[in-house]
């Protein structure tokens, strides 16, 4: 961003407002992408755990899984939400063999201030998965298909951007 310099003397309220508007304009002119939103994560070993809300239900813990082809709810959690499930063909996961799955109706997930539409969440028993029992599901591919996702492990923060207006800058890896 091009630097804007202001004299260090007292500014009147209208001047401060004008200066703020100029700084905001400079940031947008420079092409710095504006995030759609951010949300924190906590690490549990190698896992990234996020808090999510389904519809208007209380927040629940989910594991962020960039390899999951769909967002997944544990059957107990789906039942607590009052979601009806329909059987579907089995799937495969990181383990061996087929895994039974169901799916449920479209729902909205909110990750702090980021809304994510889930057209067909899967319902899979996660009780044998190597993760804490407090995890109610997996945030899967819908997040990564909808947004450009920037993970900041130092600040434990995930920032998402609209792919239509995002322009990669800096030396971070793009995967």
C-alpha atoms as a PDB file:
ATOM      1  CA  UNK A   1       0.000   0.000   0.000  1.00  0.00           C
ATOM      2  CA  UNK A   2       1.283   3.458  -0.818  1.00  0.00           C
ATOM      3  CA  UNK A   3       2.073   5.390   2.323  1.00  0.00           C
ATOM      4  CA  UNK A   4       0.001   8.426   3.170  1.00  0.00           C
ATOM      5  CA  UNK A   5       1.649  10.897   5.555  1.00  0.00           C
ATOM      6  CA  UNK A   6      -0.170  13.326   7.798  1.00  0.00           C
ATOM      7  CA  UNK A   7       1.356  16.137   9.832  1.00  0.00           C
ATOM      8  CA  UNK A   8       1.433  15.383  13.536  1.00  0.00           C
ATOM      9  CA  UNK A   9      -0.683  18.307  14.684  1.00  0.00           C
ATOM     10  CA  UNK A  10      -4.122  18.274  16.228  1.00  0.00           C
ATOM     11  CA  UNK A  11      -6.823  17.626  13.645  1.00  0.00           C
ATOM     12  CA  UNK A  12     -10.402  18.731  13.882  1.00  0.00           C
ATOM     13  CA  UNK A  13     -13.076  16.019  13.862  1.00  0.00           C
ATOM     14  CA  UNK A  14     -13.937  16.650  10.197  1.00  0.00           C
ATOM     15  CA  UNK A  15     -10.262  16.397   9.258  1.00  0.00           C
ATOM     16  CA  UNK A  16      -9.881  13.097  11.135  1.00  0.00           C
ATOM     17  CA  UNK A  17     -12.940  11.739   9.327  1.00  0.00           C
ATOM     18  CA  UNK A  18     -11.540  12.842   5.960  1.00  0.00           C
ATOM     19  CA  UNK A  19      -8.178  11.260   6.810  1.00  0.00           C
ATOM     20  CA  UNK A  20      -9.900   7.968   7.691  1.00  0.00           C
ATOM     21  CA  UNK A  21     -11.797   7.965   4.411  1.00  0.00           C
ATOM     22  CA  UNK A  22      -8.576   8.648   2.486  1.00  0.00           C
ATOM     23  CA  UNK A  23      -6.804   5.771   4.238  1.00  0.00           C
ATOM     24  CA  UNK A  24      -9.684   3.419   3.441  1.00  0.00           C
ATOM     25  CA  UNK A  25      -9.655   4.539  -0.196  1.00  0.00           C
ATOM     26  CA  UNK A  26      -5.904   4.052  -0.409  1.00  0.00           C
ATOM     27  CA  UNK A  27      -6.246   0.486   0.849  1.00  0.00           C
ATOM     28  CA  UNK A  28      -8.941  -0.336  -1.700  1.00  0.00           C
ATOM     29  CA  UNK A  29      -7.123   1.399  -4.573  1.00  0.00           C
ATOM     30  CA  UNK A  30      -3.974  -0.529  -3.751  1.00  0.00           C
ATOM     31  CA  UNK A  31      -5.891  -3.742  -4.473  1.00  0.00           C
ATOM     32  CA  UNK A  32      -5.554  -5.244  -1.017  1.00  0.00           C
ATOM     33  CA  UNK A  33      -8.313  -7.832  -0.826  1.00  0.00           C
ATOM     34  CA  UNK A  34     -11.007  -7.212   1.744  1.00  0.00           C
ATOM     35  CA  UNK A  35     -11.817 -10.359   3.703  1.00  0.00           C
ATOM     36  CA  UNK A  36     -15.337 -11.737   3.803  1.00  0.00           C
ATOM     37  CA  UNK A  37     -14.645 -12.669   7.405  1.00  0.00           C
ATOM     38  CA  UNK A  38     -12.339 -14.298   9.905  1.00  0.00           C
ATOM     39  CA  UNK A  39     -12.669 -16.928  12.582  1.00  0.00           C
ATOM     40  CA  UNK A  40     -10.301 -18.327  15.193  1.00  0.00           C
ATOM     41  CA  UNK A  41      -9.141 -21.912  15.519  1.00  0.00           C
ATOM     42  CA  UNK A  42      -7.523 -23.904  18.286  1.00  0.00           C
ATOM     43  CA  UNK A  43      -4.926 -26.577  17.755  1.00  0.00           C
ATOM     44  CA  UNK A  44      -5.337 -30.037  19.163  1.00  0.00           C
ATOM     45  CA  UNK A  45      -2.114 -31.727  18.114  1.00  0.00           C
ATOM     46  CA  UNK A  46      -2.192 -31.545  14.310  1.00  0.00           C
ATOM     47  CA  UNK A  47      -5.953 -30.824  14.214  1.00  0.00           C
ATOM     48  CA  UNK A  48      -7.515 -27.412  13.686  1.00  0.00           C
ATOM     49  CA  UNK A  49     -10.687 -27.075  15.760  1.00  0.00           C
ATOM     50  CA  UNK A  50     -13.246 -24.334  15.034  1.00  0.00           C
ATOM     51  CA  UNK A  51     -16.489 -23.279  16.640  1.00  0.00           C
ATOM     52  CA  UNK A  52     -19.504 -23.388  14.318  1.00  0.00           C
ATOM     53  CA  UNK A  53     -23.206 -22.763  14.631  1.00  0.00           C
ATOM     54  CA  UNK A  54     -25.740 -24.722  12.564  1.00  0.00           C
ATOM     55  CA  UNK A  55     -28.818 -22.630  11.889  1.00  0.00           C
ATOM     56  CA  UNK A  56     -29.750 -21.138  15.288  1.00  0.00           C
ATOM     57  CA  UNK A  57     -28.396 -23.984  17.434  1.00  0.00           C
ATOM     58  CA  UNK A  58     -25.766 -23.315  20.103  1.00  0.00           C
ATOM     59  CA  UNK A  59     -22.136 -23.331  18.931  1.00  0.00           C
ATOM     60  CA  UNK A  60     -20.417 -26.697  18.519  1.00  0.00           C
ATOM     61  CA  UNK A  61     -16.822 -27.776  17.877  1.00  0.00           C
ATOM     62  CA  UNK A  62     -15.832 -28.967  14.402  1.00  0.00           C
ATOM     63  CA  UNK A  63     -12.552 -30.111  12.933  1.00  0.00           C
ATOM     64  CA  UNK A  64     -11.396 -28.293   9.806  1.00  0.00           C
ATOM     65  CA  UNK A  65     -10.704 -30.986   7.183  1.00  0.00           C
ATOM     66  CA  UNK A  66      -9.498 -29.780   3.788  1.00  0.00           C
ATOM     67  CA  UNK A  67      -9.559 -33.389   2.556  1.00  0.00           C
ATOM     68  CA  UNK A  68     -13.241 -34.019   3.350  1.00  0.00           C
ATOM     69  CA  UNK A  69     -15.376 -33.875   0.206  1.00  0.00           C
ATOM     70  CA  UNK A  70     -18.389 -32.707   2.270  1.00  0.00           C
ATOM     71  CA  UNK A  71     -19.073 -31.213   5.651  1.00  0.00           C
ATOM     72  CA  UNK A  72     -19.935 -34.054   8.033  1.00  0.00           C
ATOM     73  CA  UNK A  73     -22.149 -34.200  11.128  1.00  0.00           C
ATOM     74  CA  UNK A  74     -21.916 -36.966  13.682  1.00  0.00           C
ATOM     75  CA  UNK A  75     -25.311 -38.802  13.869  1.00  0.00           C
ATOM     76  CA  UNK A  76     -25.818 -37.835  17.524  1.00  0.00           C
ATOM     77  CA  UNK A  77     -25.307 -34.175  16.652  1.00  0.00           C
ATOM     78  CA  UNK A  78     -27.660 -34.397  13.633  1.00  0.00           C
ATOM     79  CA  UNK A  79     -30.310 -35.909  15.911  1.00  0.00           C
ATOM     80  CA  UNK A  80     -29.818 -33.144  18.508  1.00  0.00           C
ATOM     81  CA  UNK A  81     -30.381 -30.619  15.720  1.00  0.00           C
ATOM     82  CA  UNK A  82     -33.613 -32.388  14.752  1.00  0.00           C
ATOM     83  CA  UNK A  83     -32.327 -33.154  11.257  1.00  0.00           C
ATOM     84  CA  UNK A  84     -33.874 -36.058   9.399  1.00  0.00           C
ATOM     85  CA  UNK A  85     -31.351 -38.262   7.665  1.00  0.00           C
ATOM     86  CA  UNK A  86     -31.637 -40.352   4.512  1.00  0.00           C
ATOM     87  CA  UNK A  87     -29.418 -43.324   3.791  1.00  0.00           C
ATOM     88  CA  UNK A  88     -26.921 -42.931   0.970  1.00  0.00           C
ATOM     89  CA  UNK A  89     -24.303 -45.084  -0.685  1.00  0.00           C
ATOM     90  CA  UNK A  90     -21.222 -45.709   1.481  1.00  0.00           C
ATOM     91  CA  UNK A  91     -18.100 -43.630   1.067  1.00  0.00           C
ATOM     92  CA  UNK A  92     -14.411 -44.140   1.757  1.00  0.00           C
ATOM     93  CA  UNK A  93     -12.225 -42.142   4.077  1.00  0.00           C
ATOM     94  CA  UNK A  94      -8.639 -42.102   5.192  1.00  0.00           C
ATOM     95  CA  UNK A  95      -9.072 -45.536   6.754  1.00  0.00           C
ATOM     96  CA  UNK A  96      -9.653 -48.801   4.950  1.00  0.00           C
ATOM     97  CA  UNK A  97     -12.949 -50.020   3.574  1.00  0.00           C
ATOM     98  CA  UNK A  98     -16.354 -48.480   3.033  1.00  0.00           C
ATOM     99  CA  UNK A  99     -17.934 -46.139   5.583  1.00  0.00           C
ATOM    100  CA  UNK A 100     -21.716 -45.980   6.053  1.00  0.00           C
ATOM    101  CA  UNK A 101     -23.166 -42.545   5.480  1.00  0.00           C
ATOM    102  CA  UNK A 102     -26.443 -40.689   5.358  1.00  0.00           C
ATOM    103  CA  UNK A 103     -27.211 -37.162   4.321  1.00  0.00           C
ATOM    104  CA  UNK A 104     -29.565 -34.469   5.502  1.00  0.00           C
ATOM    105  CA  UNK A 105     -31.279 -31.339   4.204  1.00  0.00           C
ATOM    106  CA  UNK A 106     -29.496 -28.121   3.348  1.00  0.00           C
ATOM    107  CA  UNK A 107     -28.480 -26.023   6.352  1.00  0.00           C
ATOM    108  CA  UNK A 108     -26.486 -22.876   7.021  1.00  0.00           C
ATOM    109  CA  UNK A 109     -23.292 -23.000   9.062  1.00  0.00           C
ATOM    110  CA  UNK A 110     -21.807 -19.906  10.664  1.00  0.00           C
ATOM    111  CA  UNK A 111     -18.137 -19.767  11.585  1.00  0.00           C
ATOM    112  CA  UNK A 112     -17.881 -16.618  13.713  1.00  0.00           C
ATOM    113  CA  UNK A 113     -18.883 -14.026  11.065  1.00  0.00           C
ATOM    114  CA  UNK A 114     -18.618 -16.292   7.998  1.00  0.00           C
ATOM    115  CA  UNK A 115     -21.826 -17.834   6.661  1.00  0.00           C
ATOM    116  CA  UNK A 116     -21.493 -21.066   4.709  1.00  0.00           C
ATOM    117  CA  UNK A 117     -24.369 -22.786   2.928  1.00  0.00           C
ATOM    118  CA  UNK A 118     -24.218 -26.572   3.142  1.00  0.00           C
ATOM    119  CA  UNK A 119     -26.418 -28.008   0.361  1.00  0.00           C
ATOM    120  CA  UNK A 120     -26.187 -31.641   1.499  1.00  0.00           C
ATOM    121  CA  UNK A 121     -24.224 -32.323   4.680  1.00  0.00           C
ATOM    122  CA  UNK A 122     -23.211 -35.919   5.203  1.00  0.00           C
ATOM    123  CA  UNK A 123     -23.912 -37.775   8.421  1.00  0.00           C
ATOM    124  CA  UNK A 124     -21.172 -40.245   9.392  1.00  0.00           C
ATOM    125  CA  UNK A 125     -20.403 -41.933  12.711  1.00  0.00           C
ATOM    126  CA  UNK A 126     -17.220 -40.230  13.910  1.00  0.00           C
ATOM    127  CA  UNK A 127     -16.975 -42.113  17.214  1.00  0.00           C
ATOM    128  CA  UNK A 128     -14.017 -44.209  16.015  1.00  0.00           C
ATOM    129  CA  UNK A 129     -12.171 -41.318  14.351  1.00  0.00           C
ATOM    130  CA  UNK A 130      -8.903 -40.255  16.038  1.00  0.00           C
ATOM    131  CA  UNK A 131     -10.158 -36.936  17.393  1.00  0.00           C
ATOM    132  CA  UNK A 132     -11.520 -35.573  20.665  1.00  0.00           C
ATOM    133  CA  UNK A 133     -15.052 -36.697  21.594  1.00  0.00           C
ATOM    134  CA  UNK A 134     -16.115 -33.045  21.822  1.00  0.00           C
ATOM    135  CA  UNK A 135     -15.886 -32.706  18.029  1.00  0.00           C
ATOM    136  CA  UNK A 136     -19.379 -32.775  16.492  1.00  0.00           C
ATOM    137  CA  UNK A 137     -18.367 -32.860  12.834  1.00  0.00           C
ATOM    138  CA  UNK A 138     -15.982 -31.864  10.068  1.00  0.00           C
ATOM    139  CA  UNK A 139     -15.925 -28.624   8.080  1.00  0.00           C
ATOM    140  CA  UNK A 140     -15.190 -29.910   4.599  1.00  0.00           C
ATOM    141  CA  UNK A 141     -14.865 -28.910   0.963  1.00  0.00           C
ATOM    142  CA  UNK A 142     -17.757 -26.438   0.913  1.00  0.00           C
ATOM    143  CA  UNK A 143     -15.556 -23.896   2.717  1.00  0.00           C
ATOM    144  CA  UNK A 144     -12.673 -24.350   0.280  1.00  0.00           C
ATOM    145  CA  UNK A 145     -14.918 -24.287  -2.802  1.00  0.00           C
ATOM    146  CA  UNK A 146     -16.736 -21.137  -1.721  1.00  0.00           C
ATOM    147  CA  UNK A 147     -13.814 -19.032  -0.527  1.00  0.00           C
ATOM    148  CA  UNK A 148     -10.104 -18.413  -0.814  1.00  0.00           C
ATOM    149  CA  UNK A 149      -8.935 -19.548   2.623  1.00  0.00           C
ATOM    150  CA  UNK A 150      -5.886 -18.106   4.385  1.00  0.00           C
ATOM    151  CA  UNK A 151      -4.701 -19.969   7.489  1.00  0.00           C
ATOM    152  CA  UNK A 152      -2.480 -18.099   9.919  1.00  0.00           C
ATOM    153  CA  UNK A 153      -1.009 -20.612  12.386  1.00  0.00           C
ATOM    154  CA  UNK A 154       0.835 -17.921  14.357  1.00  0.00           C
ATOM    155  CA  UNK A 155      -2.334 -15.972  15.146  1.00  0.00           C
ATOM    156  CA  UNK A 156      -4.595 -19.081  15.153  1.00  0.00           C
ATOM    157  CA  UNK A 157      -6.862 -17.317  12.683  1.00  0.00           C
ATOM    158  CA  UNK A 158      -8.538 -18.240   9.413  1.00  0.00           C
ATOM    159  CA  UNK A 159      -9.475 -15.474   6.986  1.00  0.00           C
ATOM    160  CA  UNK A 160     -11.706 -16.065   3.978  1.00  0.00           C
ATOM    161  CA  UNK A 161     -11.945 -14.001   0.808  1.00  0.00           C
ATOM    162  CA  UNK A 162     -14.289 -13.790  -2.158  1.00  0.00           C
ATOM    163  CA  UNK A 163     -12.434 -15.573  -4.987  1.00  0.00           C
ATOM    164  CA  UNK A 164     -13.802 -13.102  -7.570  1.00  0.00           C
ATOM    165  CA  UNK A 165     -11.968 -10.174  -5.975  1.00  0.00           C
ATOM    166  CA  UNK A 166      -8.984 -11.905  -4.404  1.00  0.00           C
ATOM    167  CA  UNK A 167      -5.462 -11.234  -5.709  1.00  0.00           C
ATOM    168  CA  UNK A 168      -2.597 -13.149  -4.098  1.00  0.00           C
ATOM    169  CA  UNK A 169       0.209 -10.955  -2.783  1.00  0.00           C
ATOM    170  CA  UNK A 170       3.307 -11.801  -0.799  1.00  0.00           C
ATOM    171  CA  UNK A 171       5.319 -14.948  -0.418  1.00  0.00           C
ATOM    172  CA  UNK A 172       2.721 -17.240   1.167  1.00  0.00           C
ATOM    173  CA  UNK A 173       2.225 -20.581  -0.525  1.00  0.00           C
ATOM    174  CA  UNK A 174      -0.821 -20.989  -2.724  1.00  0.00           C
ATOM    175  CA  UNK A 175      -2.129 -24.560  -2.758  1.00  0.00           C
END
